[in-house]
Amino acid sequence: EEAQLILESYKKRSKQCENAEFIIENYKQFADT
């Protein structure tokens, strides 16, 4: 059960990495903090 939850989140983030605009904008938000 733990492994399933960990990998689900991991795969979701990995899918987001396919979007070049997301990589740029998300890092800008992180930098602001």
PDB file of all heavy atoms in Angstrom:
ATOM      1  N   GLU A   1       0.832  -1.213   0.000  1.00  0.00           N
ATOM      2  CA  GLU A   1       0.000   0.000   0.000  1.00  0.00           C
ATOM      3  C   GLU A   1       0.862   1.256   0.000  1.00  0.00           C
ATOM      4  O   GLU A   1       0.584   2.215  -0.729  1.00  0.00           O
ATOM      5  CB  GLU A   1      -0.931   0.001   1.219  1.00  0.00           C
ATOM      6  CG  GLU A   1      -1.983  -1.111   1.222  1.00  0.00           C
ATOM      7  CD  GLU A   1      -1.420  -2.475   1.631  1.00  0.00           C
ATOM      8  OE1 GLU A   1      -0.255  -2.519   2.123  1.00  0.00           O
ATOM      9  OE2 GLU A   1      -2.124  -3.482   1.434  1.00  0.00           O
ATOM     10  N   GLU A   2       1.916   1.264   0.819  1.00  0.00           N
ATOM     11  CA  GLU A   2       2.812   2.420   0.864  1.00  0.00           C
ATOM     12  C   GLU A   2       3.502   2.633  -0.478  1.00  0.00           C
ATOM     13  O   GLU A   2       3.607   3.764  -0.971  1.00  0.00           O
ATOM     14  CB  GLU A   2       3.860   2.223   1.961  1.00  0.00           C
ATOM     15  CG  GLU A   2       3.299   2.289   3.371  1.00  0.00           C
ATOM     16  CD  GLU A   2       4.299   1.810   4.410  1.00  0.00           C
ATOM     17  OE1 GLU A   2       5.168   0.983   4.063  1.00  0.00           O
ATOM     18  OE2 GLU A   2       4.213   2.256   5.576  1.00  0.00           O
ATOM     19  N   ALA A   3       3.949   1.544  -1.069  1.00  0.00           N
ATOM     20  CA  ALA A   3       4.642   1.636  -2.352  1.00  0.00           C
ATOM     21  C   ALA A   3       3.735   2.204  -3.434  1.00  0.00           C
ATOM     22  O   ALA A   3       4.168   3.020  -4.265  1.00  0.00           O
ATOM     23  CB  ALA A   3       5.163   0.261  -2.766  1.00  0.00           C
ATOM     24  N   GLN A   4       2.482   1.789  -3.415  1.00  0.00           N
ATOM     25  CA  GLN A   4       1.535   2.278  -4.415  1.00  0.00           C
ATOM     26  C   GLN A   4       1.357   3.792  -4.313  1.00  0.00           C
ATOM     27  O   GLN A   4       1.373   4.505  -5.318  1.00  0.00           O
ATOM     28  CB  GLN A   4       0.187   1.579  -4.252  1.00  0.00           C
ATOM     29  CG  GLN A   4      -0.839   1.988  -5.302  1.00  0.00           C
ATOM     30  CD  GLN A   4      -2.153   1.226  -5.162  1.00  0.00           C
ATOM     31  OE1 GLN A   4      -2.261   0.306  -4.355  1.00  0.00           O
ATOM     32  NE2 GLN A   4      -3.143   1.607  -5.953  1.00  0.00           N
ATOM     33  N   LEU A   5       1.214   4.296  -3.094  1.00  0.00           N
ATOM     34  CA  LEU A   5       1.039   5.737  -2.895  1.00  0.00           C
ATOM     35  C   LEU A   5       2.292   6.519  -3.304  1.00  0.00           C
ATOM     36  O   LEU A   5       2.208   7.573  -3.939  1.00  0.00           O
ATOM     37  CB  LEU A   5       0.697   6.021  -1.431  1.00  0.00           C
ATOM     38  CG  LEU A   5      -0.684   5.561  -0.950  1.00  0.00           C
ATOM     39  CD1 LEU A   5      -0.809   5.765   0.558  1.00  0.00           C
ATOM     40  CD2 LEU A   5      -1.783   6.323  -1.681  1.00  0.00           C
ATOM     41  N   ILE A   6       3.451   5.990  -2.932  1.00  0.00           N
ATOM     42  CA  ILE A   6       4.707   6.662  -3.268  1.00  0.00           C
ATOM     43  C   ILE A   6       4.887   6.739  -4.778  1.00  0.00           C
ATOM     44  O   ILE A   6       5.234   7.797  -5.332  1.00  0.00           O
ATOM     45  CB  ILE A   6       5.896   5.920  -2.620  1.00  0.00           C
ATOM     46  CG1 ILE A   6       5.844   6.067  -1.089  1.00  0.00           C
ATOM     47  CG2 ILE A   6       7.229   6.455  -3.155  1.00  0.00           C
ATOM     48  CD1 ILE A   6       6.814   5.160  -0.353  1.00  0.00           C
ATOM     49  N   LEU A   7       4.635   5.637  -5.459  1.00  0.00           N
ATOM     50  CA  LEU A   7       4.846   5.602  -6.911  1.00  0.00           C
ATOM     51  C   LEU A   7       3.791   6.399  -7.670  1.00  0.00           C
ATOM     52  O   LEU A   7       4.082   6.966  -8.736  1.00  0.00           O
ATOM     53  CB  LEU A   7       4.870   4.150  -7.398  1.00  0.00           C
ATOM     54  CG  LEU A   7       6.089   3.335  -6.937  1.00  0.00           C
ATOM     55  CD1 LEU A   7       5.982   1.890  -7.408  1.00  0.00           C
ATOM     56  CD2 LEU A   7       7.387   3.961  -7.440  1.00  0.00           C
ATOM     57  N   GLU A   8       2.577   6.461  -7.141  1.00  0.00           N
ATOM     58  CA  GLU A   8       1.547   7.271  -7.790  1.00  0.00           C
ATOM     59  C   GLU A   8       1.951   8.743  -7.817  1.00  0.00           C
ATOM     60  O   GLU A   8       1.814   9.421  -8.846  1.00  0.00           O
ATOM     61  CB  GLU A   8       0.204   7.098  -7.068  1.00  0.00           C
ATOM     62  CG  GLU A   8      -0.519   5.804  -7.410  1.00  0.00           C
ATOM     63  CD  GLU A   8      -1.821   5.654  -6.636  1.00  0.00           C
ATOM     64  OE1 GLU A   8      -2.124   6.538  -5.797  1.00  0.00           O
ATOM     65  OE2 GLU A   8      -2.539   4.653  -6.864  1.00  0.00           O
ATOM     66  N   SER A   9       2.443   9.252  -6.695  1.00  0.00           N
ATOM     67  CA  SER A   9       2.885  10.646  -6.639  1.00  0.00           C
ATOM     68  C   SER A   9       4.093  10.874  -7.543  1.00  0.00           C
ATOM     69  O   SER A   9       4.199  11.897  -8.232  1.00  0.00           O
ATOM     70  CB  SER A   9       3.242  11.035  -5.197  1.00  0.00           C
ATOM     71  OG  SER A   9       2.115  10.928  -4.348  1.00  0.00           O
ATOM     72  N   TYR A  10       4.989   9.929  -7.534  1.00  0.00           N
ATOM     73  CA  TYR A  10       6.203   9.993  -8.359  1.00  0.00           C
ATOM     74  C   TYR A  10       5.849  10.037  -9.849  1.00  0.00           C
ATOM     75  O   TYR A  10       6.398  10.845 -10.614  1.00  0.00           O
ATOM     76  CB  TYR A  10       7.052   8.781  -8.020  1.00  0.00           C
ATOM     77  CG  TYR A  10       8.312   8.579  -8.817  1.00  0.00           C
ATOM     78  CD1 TYR A  10       9.381   9.460  -8.726  1.00  0.00           C
ATOM     79  CD2 TYR A  10       8.458   7.439  -9.617  1.00  0.00           C
ATOM     80  CE1 TYR A  10      10.565   9.230  -9.421  1.00  0.00           C
ATOM     81  CE2 TYR A  10       9.628   7.203 -10.312  1.00  0.00           C
ATOM     82  CZ  TYR A  10      10.680   8.099 -10.212  1.00  0.00           C
ATOM     83  OH  TYR A  10      11.840   7.858 -10.902  1.00  0.00           O
ATOM     84  N   LYS A  11       4.918   9.189 -10.250  1.00  0.00           N
ATOM     85  CA  LYS A  11       4.512   9.157 -11.661  1.00  0.00           C
ATOM     86  C   LYS A  11       3.758  10.423 -12.059  1.00  0.00           C
ATOM     87  O   LYS A  11       3.889  10.903 -13.194  1.00  0.00           O
ATOM     88  CB  LYS A  11       3.641   7.917 -11.920  1.00  0.00           C
ATOM     89  CG  LYS A  11       4.418   6.613 -11.846  1.00  0.00           C
ATOM     90  CD  LYS A  11       3.506   5.404 -11.990  1.00  0.00           C
ATOM     91  CE  LYS A  11       4.295   4.100 -11.897  1.00  0.00           C
ATOM     92  NZ  LYS A  11       3.425   2.897 -11.964  1.00  0.00           N
ATOM     93  N   LYS A  12       2.990  10.979 -11.132  1.00  0.00           N
ATOM     94  CA  LYS A  12       2.279  12.231 -11.415  1.00  0.00           C
ATOM     95  C   LYS A  12       3.264  13.364 -11.669  1.00  0.00           C
ATOM     96  O   LYS A  12       3.117  14.132 -12.625  1.00  0.00           O
ATOM     97  CB  LYS A  12       1.358  12.584 -10.246  1.00  0.00           C
ATOM     98  CG  LYS A  12       0.563  13.866 -10.458  1.00  0.00           C
ATOM     99  CD  LYS A  12      -0.335  14.165  -9.264  1.00  0.00           C
ATOM    100  CE  LYS A  12      -1.095  15.470  -9.466  1.00  0.00           C
ATOM    101  NZ  LYS A  12      -1.963  15.768  -8.279  1.00  0.00           N
ATOM    102  N   ARG A  13       4.281  13.474 -10.811  1.00  0.00           N
ATOM    103  CA  ARG A  13       5.292  14.507 -11.011  1.00  0.00           C
ATOM    104  C   ARG A  13       6.072  14.270 -12.304  1.00  0.00           C
ATOM    105  O   ARG A  13       6.420  15.219 -13.030  1.00  0.00           O
ATOM    106  CB  ARG A  13       6.255  14.549  -9.819  1.00  0.00           C
ATOM    107  CG  ARG A  13       5.636  15.072  -8.539  1.00  0.00           C
ATOM    108  CD  ARG A  13       6.702  15.337  -7.484  1.00  0.00           C
ATOM    109  NE  ARG A  13       7.415  14.133  -7.112  1.00  0.00           N
ATOM    110  CZ  ARG A  13       7.018  13.281  -6.165  1.00  0.00           C
ATOM    111  NH1 ARG A  13       5.904  13.508  -5.501  1.00  0.00           N
ATOM    112  NH2 ARG A  13       7.735  12.208  -5.880  1.00  0.00           N
ATOM    113  N   SER A  14       6.326  13.007 -12.589  1.00  0.00           N
ATOM    114  CA  SER A  14       7.065  12.674 -13.813  1.00  0.00           C
ATOM    115  C   SER A  14       6.278  13.076 -15.051  1.00  0.00           C
ATOM    116  O   SER A  14       6.854  13.554 -16.040  1.00  0.00           O
ATOM    117  CB  SER A  14       7.381  11.176 -13.842  1.00  0.00           C
ATOM    118  OG  SER A  14       8.156  10.800 -12.714  1.00  0.00           O
ATOM    119  N   LYS A  15       4.983  12.888 -15.005  1.00  0.00           N
ATOM    120  CA  LYS A  15       4.133  13.303 -16.121  1.00  0.00           C
ATOM    121  C   LYS A  15       4.182  14.818 -16.298  1.00  0.00           C
ATOM    122  O   LYS A  15       4.223  15.327 -17.432  1.00  0.00           O
ATOM    123  CB  LYS A  15       2.689  12.847 -15.863  1.00  0.00           C
ATOM    124  CG  LYS A  15       1.719  13.145 -16.997  1.00  0.00           C
ATOM    125  CD  LYS A  15       2.031  12.318 -18.221  1.00  0.00           C
ATOM    126  CE  LYS A  15       0.999  12.546 -19.305  1.00  0.00           C
ATOM    127  NZ  LYS A  15       1.322  11.799 -20.573  1.00  0.00           N
ATOM    128  N   GLN A  16       4.196  15.552 -15.199  1.00  0.00           N
ATOM    129  CA  GLN A  16       4.264  17.015 -15.266  1.00  0.00           C
ATOM    130  C   GLN A  16       5.563  17.490 -15.903  1.00  0.00           C
ATOM    131  O   GLN A  16       5.606  18.550 -16.547  1.00  0.00           O
ATOM    132  CB  GLN A  16       4.114  17.609 -13.864  1.00  0.00           C
ATOM    133  CG  GLN A  16       2.731  17.443 -13.264  1.00  0.00           C
ATOM    134  CD  GLN A  16       2.668  17.857 -11.806  1.00  0.00           C
ATOM    135  OE1 GLN A  16       3.495  17.428 -10.988  1.00  0.00           O
ATOM    136  NE2 GLN A  16       1.715  18.707 -11.465  1.00  0.00           N
ATOM    137  N   CYS A  17       6.636  16.710 -15.736  1.00  0.00           N
ATOM    138  CA  CYS A  17       7.936  17.094 -16.291  1.00  0.00           C
ATOM    139  C   CYS A  17       7.956  17.066 -17.813  1.00  0.00           C
ATOM    140  O   CYS A  17       8.897  17.582 -18.435  1.00  0.00           O
ATOM    141  CB  CYS A  17       9.035  16.187 -15.751  1.00  0.00           C
ATOM    142  SG  CYS A  17       9.459  16.525 -14.030  1.00  0.00           S
ATOM    143  N   GLU A  18       6.964  16.468 -18.417  1.00  0.00           N
ATOM    144  CA  GLU A  18       6.891  16.441 -19.872  1.00  0.00           C
ATOM    145  C   GLU A  18       6.498  17.800 -20.438  1.00  0.00           C
ATOM    146  O   GLU A  18       6.653  18.059 -21.631  1.00  0.00           O
ATOM    147  CB  GLU A  18       5.878  15.379 -20.330  1.00  0.00           C
ATOM    148  CG  GLU A  18       6.271  13.954 -19.931  1.00  0.00           C
ATOM    149  CD  GLU A  18       5.197  12.944 -20.287  1.00  0.00           C
ATOM    150  OE1 GLU A  18       4.214  13.344 -20.965  1.00  0.00           O
ATOM    151  OE2 GLU A  18       5.334  11.761 -19.912  1.00  0.00           O
ATOM    152  N   ASN A  19       5.986  18.672 -19.579  1.00  0.00           N
ATOM    153  CA  ASN A  19       5.520  19.998 -19.998  1.00  0.00           C
ATOM    154  C   ASN A  19       6.625  21.023 -19.718  1.00  0.00           C
ATOM    155  O   ASN A  19       6.902  21.360 -18.569  1.00  0.00           O
ATOM    156  CB  ASN A  19       4.245  20.353 -19.228  1.00  0.00           C
ATOM    157  CG  ASN A  19       3.618  21.655 -19.682  1.00  0.00           C
ATOM    158  OD1 ASN A  19       4.305  22.545 -20.190  1.00  0.00           O
ATOM    159  ND2 ASN A  19       2.315  21.781 -19.500  1.00  0.00           N
ATOM    160  N   ALA A  20       7.253  21.528 -20.774  1.00  0.00           N
ATOM    161  CA  ALA A  20       8.362  22.468 -20.619  1.00  0.00           C
ATOM    162  C   ALA A  20       7.929  23.742 -19.911  1.00  0.00           C
ATOM    163  O   ALA A  20       8.673  24.308 -19.095  1.00  0.00           O
ATOM    164  CB  ALA A  20       8.959  22.799 -21.985  1.00  0.00           C
ATOM    165  N   GLU A  21       6.718  24.202 -20.190  1.00  0.00           N
ATOM    166  CA  GLU A  21       6.221  25.419 -19.547  1.00  0.00           C
ATOM    167  C   GLU A  21       6.041  25.205 -18.050  1.00  0.00           C
ATOM    168  O   GLU A  21       6.321  26.103 -17.248  1.00  0.00           O
ATOM    169  CB  GLU A  21       4.896  25.844 -20.181  1.00  0.00           C
ATOM    170  CG  GLU A  21       4.361  27.164 -19.649  1.00  0.00           C
ATOM    171  CD  GLU A  21       3.097  27.610 -20.352  1.00  0.00           C
ATOM    172  OE1 GLU A  21       2.769  27.040 -21.403  1.00  0.00           O
ATOM    173  OE2 GLU A  21       2.430  28.535 -19.847  1.00  0.00           O
ATOM    174  N   PHE A  22       5.591  24.014 -17.667  1.00  0.00           N
ATOM    175  CA  PHE A  22       5.428  23.707 -16.243  1.00  0.00           C
ATOM    176  C   PHE A  22       6.777  23.773 -15.524  1.00  0.00           C
ATOM    177  O   PHE A  22       6.869  24.324 -14.414  1.00  0.00           O
ATOM    178  CB  PHE A  22       4.817  22.318 -16.060  1.00  0.00           C
ATOM    179  CG  PHE A  22       4.804  21.855 -14.621  1.00  0.00           C
ATOM    180  CD1 PHE A  22       3.791  22.231 -13.762  1.00  0.00           C
ATOM    181  CD2 PHE A  22       5.830  21.053 -14.120  1.00  0.00           C
ATOM    182  CE1 PHE A  22       3.791  21.824 -12.432  1.00  0.00           C
ATOM    183  CE2 PHE A  22       5.837  20.641 -12.800  1.00  0.00           C
ATOM    184  CZ  PHE A  22       4.809  21.028 -11.954  1.00  0.00           C
ATOM    185  N   ILE A  23       7.822  23.207 -16.129  1.00  0.00           N
ATOM    186  CA  ILE A  23       9.146  23.213 -15.512  1.00  0.00           C
ATOM    187  C   ILE A  23       9.588  24.641 -15.211  1.00  0.00           C
ATOM    188  O   ILE A  23      10.097  24.943 -14.129  1.00  0.00           O
ATOM    189  CB  ILE A  23      10.174  22.519 -16.425  1.00  0.00           C
ATOM    190  CG1 ILE A  23       9.866  21.024 -16.559  1.00  0.00           C
ATOM    191  CG2 ILE A  23      11.592  22.733 -15.904  1.00  0.00           C
ATOM    192  CD1 ILE A  23      10.013  20.242 -15.285  1.00  0.00           C
ATOM    193  N   ILE A  24       9.359  25.544 -16.147  1.00  0.00           N
ATOM    194  CA  ILE A  24       9.784  26.939 -15.984  1.00  0.00           C
ATOM    195  C   ILE A  24       8.943  27.655 -14.939  1.00  0.00           C
ATOM    196  O   ILE A  24       9.477  28.296 -14.018  1.00  0.00           O
ATOM    197  CB  ILE A  24       9.708  27.680 -17.337  1.00  0.00           C
ATOM    198  CG1 ILE A  24      10.717  27.077 -18.323  1.00  0.00           C
ATOM    199  CG2 ILE A  24       9.962  29.173 -17.148  1.00  0.00           C
ATOM    200  CD1 ILE A  24      10.575  27.585 -19.737  1.00  0.00           C
ATOM    201  N   GLU A  25       7.626  27.560 -15.069  1.00  0.00           N
ATOM    202  CA  GLU A  25       6.737  28.309 -14.182  1.00  0.00           C
ATOM    203  C   GLU A  25       6.768  27.781 -12.754  1.00  0.00           C
ATOM    204  O   GLU A  25       6.744  28.557 -11.792  1.00  0.00           O
ATOM    205  CB  GLU A  25       5.307  28.276 -14.733  1.00  0.00           C
ATOM    206  CG  GLU A  25       5.124  29.044 -16.036  1.00  0.00           C
ATOM    207  CD  GLU A  25       5.550  30.499 -15.906  1.00  0.00           C
ATOM    208  OE1 GLU A  25       5.218  31.126 -14.869  1.00  0.00           O
ATOM    209  OE2 GLU A  25       6.226  31.007 -16.819  1.00  0.00           O
ATOM    210  N   ASN A  26       6.840  26.471 -12.596  1.00  0.00           N
ATOM    211  CA  ASN A  26       6.864  25.904 -11.249  1.00  0.00           C
ATOM    212  C   ASN A  26       8.148  26.293 -10.523  1.00  0.00           C
ATOM    213  O   ASN A  26       8.134  26.567  -9.313  1.00  0.00           O
ATOM    214  CB  ASN A  26       6.738  24.378 -11.316  1.00  0.00           C
ATOM    215  CG  ASN A  26       6.331  23.766  -9.987  1.00  0.00           C
ATOM    216  OD1 ASN A  26       5.224  23.990  -9.499  1.00  0.00           O
ATOM    217  ND2 ASN A  26       7.223  23.001  -9.396  1.00  0.00           N
ATOM    218  N   TYR A  27       9.239  26.337 -11.274  1.00  0.00           N
ATOM    219  CA  TYR A  27      10.499  26.727 -10.631  1.00  0.00           C
ATOM    220  C   TYR A  27      10.500  28.215 -10.256  1.00  0.00           C
ATOM    221  O   TYR A  27      11.060  28.599  -9.231  1.00  0.00           O
ATOM    222  CB  TYR A  27      11.691  26.416 -11.535  1.00  0.00           C
ATOM    223  CG  TYR A  27      13.006  26.500 -10.798  1.00  0.00           C
ATOM    224  CD1 TYR A  27      13.338  25.557  -9.824  1.00  0.00           C
ATOM    225  CD2 TYR A  27      13.905  27.523 -11.046  1.00  0.00           C
ATOM    226  CE1 TYR A  27      14.522  25.634  -9.116  1.00  0.00           C
ATOM    227  CE2 TYR A  27      15.106  27.613 -10.347  1.00  0.00           C
ATOM    228  CZ  TYR A  27      15.402  26.667  -9.382  1.00  0.00           C
ATOM    229  OH  TYR A  27      16.573  26.758  -8.686  1.00  0.00           O
ATOM    230  N   LYS A  28       9.856  29.029 -11.063  1.00  0.00           N
ATOM    231  CA  LYS A  28       9.736  30.450 -10.717  1.00  0.00           C
ATOM    232  C   LYS A  28       8.982  30.617  -9.400  1.00  0.00           C
ATOM    233  O   LYS A  28       9.365  31.416  -8.539  1.00  0.00           O
ATOM    234  CB  LYS A  28       9.011  31.206 -11.827  1.00  0.00           C
ATOM    235  CG  LYS A  28       9.866  31.502 -13.055  1.00  0.00           C
ATOM    236  CD  LYS A  28       9.077  32.299 -14.081  1.00  0.00           C
ATOM    237  CE  LYS A  28       9.932  32.629 -15.297  1.00  0.00           C
ATOM    238  NZ  LYS A  28       9.157  33.377 -16.330  1.00  0.00           N
ATOM    239  N   GLN A  29       7.903  29.857  -9.246  1.00  0.00           N
ATOM    240  CA  GLN A  29       7.131  29.922  -8.004  1.00  0.00           C
ATOM    241  C   GLN A  29       7.965  29.448  -6.813  1.00  0.00           C
ATOM    242  O   GLN A  29       7.925  30.037  -5.722  1.00  0.00           O
ATOM    243  CB  GLN A  29       5.864  29.080  -8.139  1.00  0.00           C
ATOM    244  CG  GLN A  29       4.872  29.605  -9.163  1.00  0.00           C
ATOM    245  CD  GLN A  29       3.675  28.686  -9.331  1.00  0.00           C
ATOM    246  OE1 GLN A  29       3.349  27.901  -8.448  1.00  0.00           O
ATOM    247  NE2 GLN A  29       3.019  28.776 -10.484  1.00  0.00           N
ATOM    248  N   PHE A  30       8.726  28.385  -7.012  1.00  0.00           N
ATOM    249  CA  PHE A  30       9.590  27.870  -5.953  1.00  0.00           C
ATOM    250  C   PHE A  30      10.650  28.905  -5.585  1.00  0.00           C
ATOM    251  O   PHE A  30      10.932  29.135  -4.400  1.00  0.00           O
ATOM    252  CB  PHE A  30      10.249  26.571  -6.423  1.00  0.00           C
ATOM    253  CG  PHE A  30      11.181  25.950  -5.419  1.00  0.00           C
ATOM    254  CD1 PHE A  30      10.691  25.257  -4.324  1.00  0.00           C
ATOM    255  CD2 PHE A  30      12.560  26.057  -5.577  1.00  0.00           C
ATOM    256  CE1 PHE A  30      11.549  24.682  -3.399  1.00  0.00           C
ATOM    257  CE2 PHE A  30      13.424  25.481  -4.659  1.00  0.00           C
ATOM    258  CZ  PHE A  30      12.916  24.794  -3.574  1.00  0.00           C
ATOM    259  N   ALA A  31      11.230  29.553  -6.590  1.00  0.00           N
ATOM    260  CA  ALA A  31      12.261  30.569  -6.349  1.00  0.00           C
ATOM    261  C   ALA A  31      11.693  31.746  -5.557  1.00  0.00           C
ATOM    262  O   ALA A  31      12.371  32.306  -4.682  1.00  0.00           O
ATOM    263  CB  ALA A  31      12.845  31.046  -7.672  1.00  0.00           C
ATOM    264  N   ASP A  32      10.462  32.128  -5.847  1.00  0.00           N
ATOM    265  CA  ASP A  32       9.830  33.252  -5.149  1.00  0.00           C
ATOM    266  C   ASP A  32       9.752  33.013  -3.642  1.00  0.00           C
ATOM    267  O   ASP A  32       9.806  33.959  -2.851  1.00  0.00           O
ATOM    268  CB  ASP A  32       8.432  33.508  -5.703  1.00  0.00           C
ATOM    269  CG  ASP A  32       8.470  34.168  -7.075  1.00  0.00           C
ATOM    270  OD1 ASP A  32       9.540  34.675  -7.459  1.00  0.00           O
ATOM    271  OD2 ASP A  32       7.432  34.159  -7.773  1.00  0.00           O
ATOM    272  N   THR A  33       9.613  31.754  -3.251  1.00  0.00           N
ATOM    273  CA  THR A  33       9.481  31.439  -1.827  1.00  0.00           C
ATOM    274  C   THR A  33      10.839  31.385  -1.116  1.00  0.00           C
ATOM    275  O   THR A  33      10.889  31.291   0.110  1.00  0.00           O
ATOM    276  CB  THR A  33       8.760  30.091  -1.627  1.00  0.00           C
ATOM    277  OG1 THR A  33       9.579  29.031  -2.159  1.00  0.00           O
ATOM    278  CG2 THR A  33       7.407  30.088  -2.317  1.00  0.00           C
TER     279      THR A  33
END
